[in-house]
Amino acid sequence: MKTKQPNTRNCFICGMENPIGLHLHIYQTAPGEVESSYMAPDHFEGYPGILHGGIVAAIIDDISCHTQIGSDLEHPRFMFSAKMEVKYRHNVPTGKLLKIRAKSIKSRGRTAEAWAGIYDAESNDLLAEGTTVLVDVPEGLVDKNKLNELGWKVYPD
């Protein structure tokens, strides 16, 4: 069963009101597991028809953090990436539907680890993957009593 996760207003990857963002809708498919789909426009390419590697890494970074957020709108776990390793297995195309999946590997104290992969939605070939070490956002950086000001909500598809 898929549960749509909340998004923020301005995040480059999932911010629904960011005019230059990717606007990913992210769904929790099981505890610690999330997925999304995306078709990258040409203005994010590095070489013709190929998604820029920095955008690939940014997607892996963000969706890895979403493995820890959970589906509780009022008690999210916000995290930063402290370390990330990305493996670019094949060129990630623009203009073609991608399937993005991530899962939590472990969570202990203030840290967690996650894995994320970007797949060709048609062939299911793994195009890029990454592992991420995550750390909790420091207390006070995000006032959880003012999540509405971040635009923290479930946005319609």
N, C-alpha and C. Protein backbone atom coordinates (compact mmCIF):
# COMPACT_ATOMS: atom_id res chain seq x y z
N MET A 1 0.84 -1.19 0.00
CA MET A 1 0.00 0.00 0.00
C MET A 1 0.89 1.25 0.00
N LYS A 2 0.61 2.17 -0.87
CA LYS A 2 1.38 3.41 -0.97
C LYS A 2 0.74 4.50 -0.13
N THR A 3 1.58 5.22 0.60
CA THR A 3 1.14 6.39 1.36
C THR A 3 1.95 7.57 0.86
N LYS A 4 1.27 8.58 0.38
CA LYS A 4 1.98 9.76 -0.13
C LYS A 4 2.62 10.51 1.03
N GLN A 5 3.90 10.83 0.87
CA GLN A 5 4.60 11.60 1.89
C GLN A 5 4.37 13.09 1.70
N PRO A 6 4.48 13.83 2.78
CA PRO A 6 4.43 15.29 2.67
C PRO A 6 5.67 15.81 1.93
N ASN A 7 5.53 16.98 1.38
CA ASN A 7 6.63 17.68 0.71
C ASN A 7 6.76 19.06 1.35
N THR A 8 7.88 19.71 1.07
CA THR A 8 8.03 21.09 1.49
C THR A 8 7.72 22.00 0.31
N ARG A 9 7.74 23.26 0.59
CA ARG A 9 7.43 24.26 -0.44
C ARG A 9 8.59 24.44 -1.41
N ASN A 10 9.85 24.52 -0.90
CA ASN A 10 10.96 24.98 -1.73
C ASN A 10 12.09 24.00 -1.98
N CYS A 11 12.04 22.80 -1.47
CA CYS A 11 13.11 21.83 -1.72
C CYS A 11 13.32 21.69 -3.23
N PHE A 12 14.57 21.63 -3.67
CA PHE A 12 14.86 21.51 -5.10
C PHE A 12 14.29 20.21 -5.68
N ILE A 13 14.31 19.15 -4.92
CA ILE A 13 13.83 17.86 -5.43
C ILE A 13 12.33 17.69 -5.23
N CYS A 14 11.84 17.91 -4.02
CA CYS A 14 10.43 17.61 -3.74
C CYS A 14 9.57 18.85 -3.49
N GLY A 15 10.14 20.04 -3.56
CA GLY A 15 9.37 21.25 -3.29
C GLY A 15 8.37 21.53 -4.39
N MET A 16 7.12 21.49 -4.04
CA MET A 16 6.07 21.64 -5.04
C MET A 16 5.90 23.07 -5.54
N GLU A 17 6.45 24.04 -4.80
CA GLU A 17 6.32 25.43 -5.22
C GLU A 17 7.64 26.03 -5.69
N ASN A 18 8.67 25.20 -5.83
CA ASN A 18 9.96 25.67 -6.33
C ASN A 18 9.86 25.76 -7.85
N PRO A 19 9.94 26.96 -8.42
CA PRO A 19 9.73 27.10 -9.86
C PRO A 19 10.77 26.39 -10.73
N ILE A 20 11.96 26.12 -10.18
CA ILE A 20 12.98 25.43 -10.97
C ILE A 20 13.25 24.02 -10.45
N GLY A 21 12.43 23.54 -9.51
CA GLY A 21 12.64 22.24 -8.90
C GLY A 21 12.12 21.08 -9.72
N LEU A 22 12.36 19.87 -9.22
CA LEU A 22 11.96 18.64 -9.90
C LEU A 22 10.52 18.22 -9.58
N HIS A 23 10.00 18.66 -8.43
CA HIS A 23 8.61 18.40 -8.02
C HIS A 23 8.29 16.91 -7.87
N LEU A 24 9.19 16.14 -7.28
CA LEU A 24 8.94 14.72 -7.10
C LEU A 24 7.86 14.48 -6.04
N HIS A 25 6.90 13.64 -6.38
CA HIS A 25 5.92 13.14 -5.43
C HIS A 25 6.49 11.82 -4.92
N ILE A 26 6.62 11.70 -3.61
CA ILE A 26 7.28 10.53 -3.02
C ILE A 26 6.27 9.77 -2.18
N TYR A 27 6.28 8.44 -2.35
CA TYR A 27 5.33 7.57 -1.68
C TYR A 27 6.06 6.57 -0.80
N GLN A 28 5.57 6.39 0.41
CA GLN A 28 6.09 5.35 1.28
C GLN A 28 5.37 4.06 0.89
N THR A 29 6.13 3.02 0.56
CA THR A 29 5.55 1.75 0.15
C THR A 29 5.59 0.71 1.26
N ALA A 30 6.44 0.93 2.24
CA ALA A 30 6.57 0.09 3.44
C ALA A 30 7.38 0.93 4.42
N PRO A 31 7.40 0.56 5.70
CA PRO A 31 8.23 1.33 6.63
C PRO A 31 9.69 1.37 6.15
N GLY A 32 10.22 2.59 6.01
CA GLY A 32 11.60 2.77 5.57
C GLY A 32 11.83 2.57 4.08
N GLU A 33 10.76 2.44 3.29
CA GLU A 33 10.89 2.27 1.85
C GLU A 33 10.02 3.28 1.13
N VAL A 34 10.59 3.94 0.12
CA VAL A 34 9.87 4.96 -0.63
C VAL A 34 10.14 4.79 -2.13
N GLU A 35 9.26 5.39 -2.91
CA GLU A 35 9.45 5.38 -4.36
C GLU A 35 8.86 6.63 -4.98
N SER A 36 9.31 6.90 -6.18
CA SER A 36 8.81 8.02 -6.96
C SER A 36 9.04 7.70 -8.43
N SER A 37 8.52 8.54 -9.30
CA SER A 37 8.82 8.43 -10.71
C SER A 37 9.09 9.84 -11.22
N TYR A 38 9.83 9.91 -12.32
CA TYR A 38 10.24 11.21 -12.81
C TYR A 38 10.65 11.10 -14.27
N MET A 39 10.33 12.13 -15.03
CA MET A 39 10.82 12.26 -16.40
C MET A 39 11.57 13.59 -16.46
N ALA A 40 12.87 13.52 -16.60
CA ALA A 40 13.71 14.72 -16.57
C ALA A 40 13.60 15.49 -17.89
N PRO A 41 13.39 16.80 -17.79
CA PRO A 41 13.38 17.62 -19.00
C PRO A 41 14.81 17.86 -19.52
N ASP A 42 14.90 18.23 -20.76
CA ASP A 42 16.20 18.45 -21.39
C ASP A 42 17.03 19.54 -20.72
N HIS A 43 16.39 20.50 -20.05
CA HIS A 43 17.19 21.57 -19.45
C HIS A 43 17.99 21.11 -18.22
N PHE A 44 17.84 19.84 -17.82
CA PHE A 44 18.66 19.27 -16.75
C PHE A 44 19.73 18.31 -17.31
N GLU A 45 19.94 18.33 -18.62
CA GLU A 45 20.92 17.41 -19.19
C GLU A 45 22.34 17.93 -19.01
N GLY A 46 23.28 16.97 -19.00
CA GLY A 46 24.70 17.30 -19.04
C GLY A 46 25.13 17.25 -20.49
N TYR A 47 25.02 16.07 -21.09
CA TYR A 47 25.22 15.88 -22.52
C TYR A 47 23.84 15.67 -23.14
N PRO A 48 23.72 15.84 -24.44
CA PRO A 48 22.40 15.69 -25.08
C PRO A 48 21.73 14.36 -24.72
N GLY A 49 20.52 14.47 -24.17
CA GLY A 49 19.73 13.30 -23.83
C GLY A 49 20.14 12.59 -22.56
N ILE A 50 21.12 13.13 -21.82
CA ILE A 50 21.62 12.47 -20.61
C ILE A 50 21.48 13.42 -19.42
N LEU A 51 20.82 12.94 -18.38
CA LEU A 51 20.61 13.74 -17.17
C LEU A 51 21.96 14.06 -16.52
N HIS A 52 22.15 15.29 -16.12
CA HIS A 52 23.39 15.73 -15.47
C HIS A 52 23.64 14.89 -14.22
N GLY A 53 24.88 14.47 -14.02
CA GLY A 53 25.23 13.63 -12.88
C GLY A 53 24.94 14.29 -11.54
N GLY A 54 25.02 15.60 -11.47
CA GLY A 54 24.71 16.30 -10.23
C GLY A 54 23.23 16.21 -9.88
N ILE A 55 22.38 16.20 -10.90
CA ILE A 55 20.94 16.04 -10.66
C ILE A 55 20.66 14.61 -10.22
N VAL A 56 21.34 13.64 -10.85
CA VAL A 56 21.21 12.23 -10.44
C VAL A 56 21.56 12.10 -8.96
N ALA A 57 22.69 12.67 -8.57
CA ALA A 57 23.13 12.60 -7.17
C ALA A 57 22.14 13.30 -6.24
N ALA A 58 21.60 14.44 -6.68
CA ALA A 58 20.64 15.17 -5.85
C ALA A 58 19.37 14.35 -5.63
N ILE A 59 18.92 13.63 -6.65
CA ILE A 59 17.74 12.77 -6.49
C ILE A 59 18.04 11.67 -5.48
N ILE A 60 19.19 11.02 -5.61
CA ILE A 60 19.57 9.95 -4.68
C ILE A 60 19.68 10.50 -3.26
N ASP A 61 20.28 11.67 -3.12
CA ASP A 61 20.42 12.32 -1.82
C ASP A 61 19.06 12.54 -1.17
N ASP A 62 18.15 13.17 -1.89
CA ASP A 62 16.86 13.54 -1.32
C ASP A 62 15.99 12.33 -1.00
N ILE A 63 15.90 11.40 -1.94
CA ILE A 63 15.01 10.26 -1.69
C ILE A 63 15.56 9.37 -0.57
N SER A 64 16.88 9.37 -0.38
CA SER A 64 17.46 8.63 0.75
C SER A 64 16.96 9.21 2.08
N CYS A 65 16.93 10.54 2.16
CA CYS A 65 16.42 11.18 3.38
C CYS A 65 14.95 10.84 3.62
N HIS A 66 14.19 10.69 2.55
CA HIS A 66 12.77 10.38 2.68
C HIS A 66 12.52 9.00 3.27
N THR A 67 13.51 8.12 3.26
CA THR A 67 13.32 6.81 3.91
C THR A 67 13.14 6.96 5.41
N GLN A 68 13.61 8.07 5.95
CA GLN A 68 13.55 8.30 7.40
C GLN A 68 12.40 9.22 7.81
N ILE A 69 11.87 9.99 6.88
CA ILE A 69 10.82 10.97 7.22
C ILE A 69 9.57 10.30 7.75
N GLY A 70 9.19 9.19 7.14
CA GLY A 70 7.97 8.51 7.56
C GLY A 70 6.74 9.16 6.95
N SER A 71 5.60 8.67 7.33
CA SER A 71 4.35 9.19 6.76
C SER A 71 3.55 10.00 7.77
N ASP A 72 4.11 10.24 8.95
CA ASP A 72 3.44 11.03 9.99
C ASP A 72 3.66 12.51 9.68
N LEU A 73 2.61 13.17 9.26
CA LEU A 73 2.69 14.57 8.86
C LEU A 73 3.19 15.48 9.97
N GLU A 74 2.87 15.16 11.22
CA GLU A 74 3.20 16.05 12.33
C GLU A 74 4.50 15.71 13.05
N HIS A 75 5.09 14.54 12.79
CA HIS A 75 6.31 14.13 13.48
C HIS A 75 7.34 13.56 12.50
N PRO A 76 7.73 14.35 11.51
CA PRO A 76 8.72 13.85 10.55
C PRO A 76 10.11 13.80 11.17
N ARG A 77 10.95 12.96 10.63
CA ARG A 77 12.36 12.92 11.02
C ARG A 77 13.15 13.54 9.88
N PHE A 78 13.60 14.77 10.08
CA PHE A 78 14.39 15.46 9.08
C PHE A 78 15.86 15.14 9.26
N MET A 79 16.55 14.84 8.15
CA MET A 79 17.95 14.46 8.20
C MET A 79 18.73 15.14 7.08
N PHE A 80 20.04 15.28 7.30
CA PHE A 80 20.99 15.74 6.30
C PHE A 80 21.81 14.54 5.84
N SER A 81 22.31 14.62 4.62
CA SER A 81 23.29 13.63 4.17
C SER A 81 24.66 14.06 4.68
N ALA A 82 25.35 13.13 5.34
CA ALA A 82 26.69 13.40 5.84
C ALA A 82 27.74 12.82 4.90
N LYS A 83 27.36 11.75 4.21
CA LYS A 83 28.28 11.09 3.28
C LYS A 83 27.43 10.35 2.26
N MET A 84 27.87 10.39 1.02
CA MET A 84 27.12 9.70 -0.02
C MET A 84 28.09 9.16 -1.07
N GLU A 85 27.81 7.94 -1.50
CA GLU A 85 28.58 7.34 -2.59
C GLU A 85 27.59 7.00 -3.70
N VAL A 86 27.86 7.50 -4.89
CA VAL A 86 26.98 7.26 -6.03
C VAL A 86 27.73 6.44 -7.07
N LYS A 87 27.03 5.43 -7.59
CA LYS A 87 27.57 4.63 -8.68
C LYS A 87 26.71 4.87 -9.90
N TYR A 88 27.33 5.44 -10.93
CA TYR A 88 26.64 5.70 -12.19
C TYR A 88 26.86 4.48 -13.08
N ARG A 89 25.86 3.63 -13.17
CA ARG A 89 25.99 2.36 -13.90
C ARG A 89 25.77 2.52 -15.40
N HIS A 90 24.82 3.37 -15.76
CA HIS A 90 24.49 3.66 -17.16
C HIS A 90 24.07 5.12 -17.23
N ASN A 91 24.05 5.67 -18.42
CA ASN A 91 23.55 7.03 -18.58
C ASN A 91 22.08 7.07 -18.17
N VAL A 92 21.72 8.10 -17.42
CA VAL A 92 20.32 8.31 -17.02
C VAL A 92 19.72 9.26 -18.06
N PRO A 93 18.71 8.80 -18.79
CA PRO A 93 18.20 9.61 -19.89
C PRO A 93 17.26 10.73 -19.44
N THR A 94 17.23 11.78 -20.24
CA THR A 94 16.18 12.79 -20.10
C THR A 94 15.03 12.35 -21.01
N GLY A 95 13.85 12.85 -20.74
CA GLY A 95 12.71 12.57 -21.60
C GLY A 95 12.20 11.15 -21.57
N LYS A 96 12.61 10.37 -20.58
CA LYS A 96 12.18 8.98 -20.45
C LYS A 96 11.78 8.74 -18.99
N LEU A 97 10.70 8.00 -18.79
CA LEU A 97 10.21 7.78 -17.43
C LEU A 97 11.20 6.97 -16.61
N LEU A 98 11.49 7.48 -15.42
CA LEU A 98 12.39 6.83 -14.47
C LEU A 98 11.60 6.39 -13.25
N LYS A 99 12.01 5.30 -12.64
CA LYS A 99 11.44 4.84 -11.38
C LYS A 99 12.55 4.99 -10.34
N ILE A 100 12.23 5.60 -9.23
CA ILE A 100 13.22 5.88 -8.19
C ILE A 100 12.77 5.15 -6.92
N ARG A 101 13.66 4.38 -6.34
CA ARG A 101 13.34 3.62 -5.13
C ARG A 101 14.43 3.85 -4.09
N ALA A 102 14.04 3.80 -2.83
CA ALA A 102 15.01 3.92 -1.75
C ALA A 102 14.53 3.12 -0.55
N LYS A 103 15.49 2.65 0.23
CA LYS A 103 15.14 1.92 1.45
C LYS A 103 16.16 2.21 2.54
N SER A 104 15.66 2.20 3.75
CA SER A 104 16.51 2.39 4.92
C SER A 104 17.33 1.13 5.12
N ILE A 105 18.61 1.30 5.39
CA ILE A 105 19.47 0.17 5.69
C ILE A 105 19.51 -0.05 7.20
N LYS A 106 19.75 1.05 7.94
CA LYS A 106 19.72 0.96 9.40
C LYS A 106 19.56 2.35 9.98
N SER A 107 19.10 2.38 11.20
CA SER A 107 18.93 3.64 11.93
C SER A 107 19.33 3.40 13.36
N ARG A 108 20.22 4.28 13.85
CA ARG A 108 20.68 4.13 15.22
C ARG A 108 20.99 5.50 15.78
N GLY A 109 20.33 5.86 16.86
CA GLY A 109 20.58 7.16 17.49
C GLY A 109 20.28 8.30 16.54
N ARG A 110 21.26 9.17 16.35
CA ARG A 110 21.09 10.36 15.48
C ARG A 110 21.47 10.10 14.03
N THR A 111 21.86 8.86 13.70
CA THR A 111 22.29 8.57 12.34
C THR A 111 21.46 7.46 11.70
N ALA A 112 21.52 7.41 10.41
CA ALA A 112 20.85 6.35 9.65
C ALA A 112 21.63 6.14 8.36
N GLU A 113 21.36 5.03 7.71
CA GLU A 113 21.94 4.75 6.40
C GLU A 113 20.82 4.34 5.47
N ALA A 114 20.95 4.71 4.20
CA ALA A 114 19.93 4.37 3.22
C ALA A 114 20.59 4.05 1.89
N TRP A 115 19.84 3.33 1.06
CA TRP A 115 20.22 3.01 -0.30
C TRP A 115 19.15 3.56 -1.23
N ALA A 116 19.56 4.06 -2.39
CA ALA A 116 18.59 4.53 -3.39
C ALA A 116 19.05 4.13 -4.77
N GLY A 117 18.08 3.89 -5.65
CA GLY A 117 18.39 3.53 -7.02
C GLY A 117 17.46 4.23 -8.00
N ILE A 118 17.99 4.53 -9.17
CA ILE A 118 17.21 5.12 -10.26
C ILE A 118 17.18 4.08 -11.38
N TYR A 119 15.97 3.73 -11.80
CA TYR A 119 15.77 2.68 -12.80
C TYR A 119 15.10 3.24 -14.05
N ASP A 120 15.35 2.61 -15.17
CA ASP A 120 14.56 2.84 -16.38
C ASP A 120 13.21 2.20 -16.08
N ALA A 121 12.14 2.97 -16.14
CA ALA A 121 10.82 2.46 -15.77
C ALA A 121 10.33 1.37 -16.72
N GLU A 122 10.77 1.41 -17.96
CA GLU A 122 10.31 0.43 -18.95
C GLU A 122 11.08 -0.90 -18.85
N SER A 123 12.39 -0.82 -18.80
CA SER A 123 13.21 -2.05 -18.80
C SER A 123 13.55 -2.53 -17.40
N ASN A 124 13.36 -1.68 -16.41
CA ASN A 124 13.72 -1.94 -15.01
C ASN A 124 15.23 -2.07 -14.81
N ASP A 125 16.04 -1.58 -15.76
CA ASP A 125 17.49 -1.58 -15.61
C ASP A 125 17.89 -0.56 -14.55
N LEU A 126 18.81 -0.94 -13.67
CA LEU A 126 19.35 -0.02 -12.68
C LEU A 126 20.36 0.89 -13.37
N LEU A 127 20.10 2.19 -13.35
CA LEU A 127 20.94 3.16 -14.04
C LEU A 127 21.95 3.82 -13.11
N ALA A 128 21.54 4.11 -11.90
CA ALA A 128 22.42 4.73 -10.90
C ALA A 128 21.93 4.33 -9.52
N GLU A 129 22.85 4.26 -8.59
CA GLU A 129 22.49 3.92 -7.22
C GLU A 129 23.45 4.60 -6.26
N GLY A 130 23.01 4.70 -5.02
CA GLY A 130 23.87 5.32 -4.04
C GLY A 130 23.53 4.90 -2.63
N THR A 131 24.53 4.95 -1.77
CA THR A 131 24.32 4.73 -0.34
C THR A 131 24.63 6.04 0.36
N THR A 132 23.86 6.31 1.39
CA THR A 132 23.96 7.59 2.08
C THR A 132 24.00 7.39 3.58
N VAL A 133 24.89 8.09 4.24
CA VAL A 133 24.90 8.18 5.71
C VAL A 133 24.17 9.48 6.04
N LEU A 134 23.18 9.38 6.89
CA LEU A 134 22.33 10.52 7.24
C LEU A 134 22.49 10.86 8.71
N VAL A 135 22.35 12.16 9.04
CA VAL A 135 22.36 12.60 10.43
C VAL A 135 21.14 13.49 10.67
N ASP A 136 20.62 13.43 11.88
CA ASP A 136 19.47 14.25 12.24
C ASP A 136 19.80 15.73 12.06
N VAL A 137 18.82 16.47 11.57
CA VAL A 137 18.95 17.93 11.50
C VAL A 137 19.05 18.42 12.95
N PRO A 138 20.01 19.32 13.26
CA PRO A 138 20.16 19.79 14.64
C PRO A 138 18.88 20.42 15.19
N GLU A 139 18.66 20.21 16.48
CA GLU A 139 17.51 20.81 17.16
C GLU A 139 17.49 22.31 16.92
N GLY A 140 16.33 22.84 16.64
CA GLY A 140 16.15 24.27 16.46
C GLY A 140 16.32 24.74 15.02
N LEU A 141 16.95 23.93 14.18
CA LEU A 141 17.13 24.35 12.78
C LEU A 141 15.78 24.37 12.05
N VAL A 142 14.97 23.38 12.31
CA VAL A 142 13.61 23.32 11.76
C VAL A 142 12.65 23.27 12.93
N ASP A 143 11.88 24.33 13.10
CA ASP A 143 10.90 24.39 14.18
C ASP A 143 9.69 23.54 13.80
N LYS A 144 9.59 22.38 14.42
CA LYS A 144 8.51 21.44 14.07
C LYS A 144 7.14 21.96 14.46
N ASN A 145 7.09 23.05 15.23
CA ASN A 145 5.81 23.69 15.54
C ASN A 145 5.36 24.63 14.42
N LYS A 146 6.25 24.86 13.45
CA LYS A 146 5.94 25.78 12.35
C LYS A 146 6.11 25.09 11.00
N LEU A 147 5.78 23.81 10.93
CA LEU A 147 5.93 23.07 9.68
C LEU A 147 5.07 23.64 8.56
N ASN A 148 3.95 24.24 8.93
CA ASN A 148 3.08 24.84 7.94
C ASN A 148 3.79 25.95 7.16
N GLU A 149 4.69 26.67 7.84
CA GLU A 149 5.44 27.74 7.18
C GLU A 149 6.42 27.20 6.13
N LEU A 150 6.85 25.94 6.30
CA LEU A 150 7.71 25.30 5.30
C LEU A 150 6.90 24.80 4.11
N GLY A 151 5.58 24.86 4.25
CA GLY A 151 4.74 24.27 3.22
C GLY A 151 4.67 22.77 3.38
N TRP A 152 4.98 22.27 4.59
CA TRP A 152 5.03 20.83 4.87
C TRP A 152 3.62 20.27 4.85
N LYS A 153 3.27 19.61 3.75
CA LYS A 153 1.94 19.03 3.61
C LYS A 153 1.95 18.04 2.46
N VAL A 154 0.90 17.27 2.36
CA VAL A 154 0.73 16.36 1.24
C VAL A 154 0.09 17.16 0.11
N TYR A 155 0.83 17.30 -0.98
CA TYR A 155 0.36 18.05 -2.14
C TYR A 155 -0.37 17.09 -3.09
N PRO A 156 -1.42 17.53 -3.73
CA PRO A 156 -2.11 16.64 -4.68
C PRO A 156 -1.24 16.34 -5.90
N ASP A 157 -1.47 15.20 -6.52
CA ASP A 157 -0.73 14.82 -7.75
C ASP A 157 -1.11 15.76 -8.88
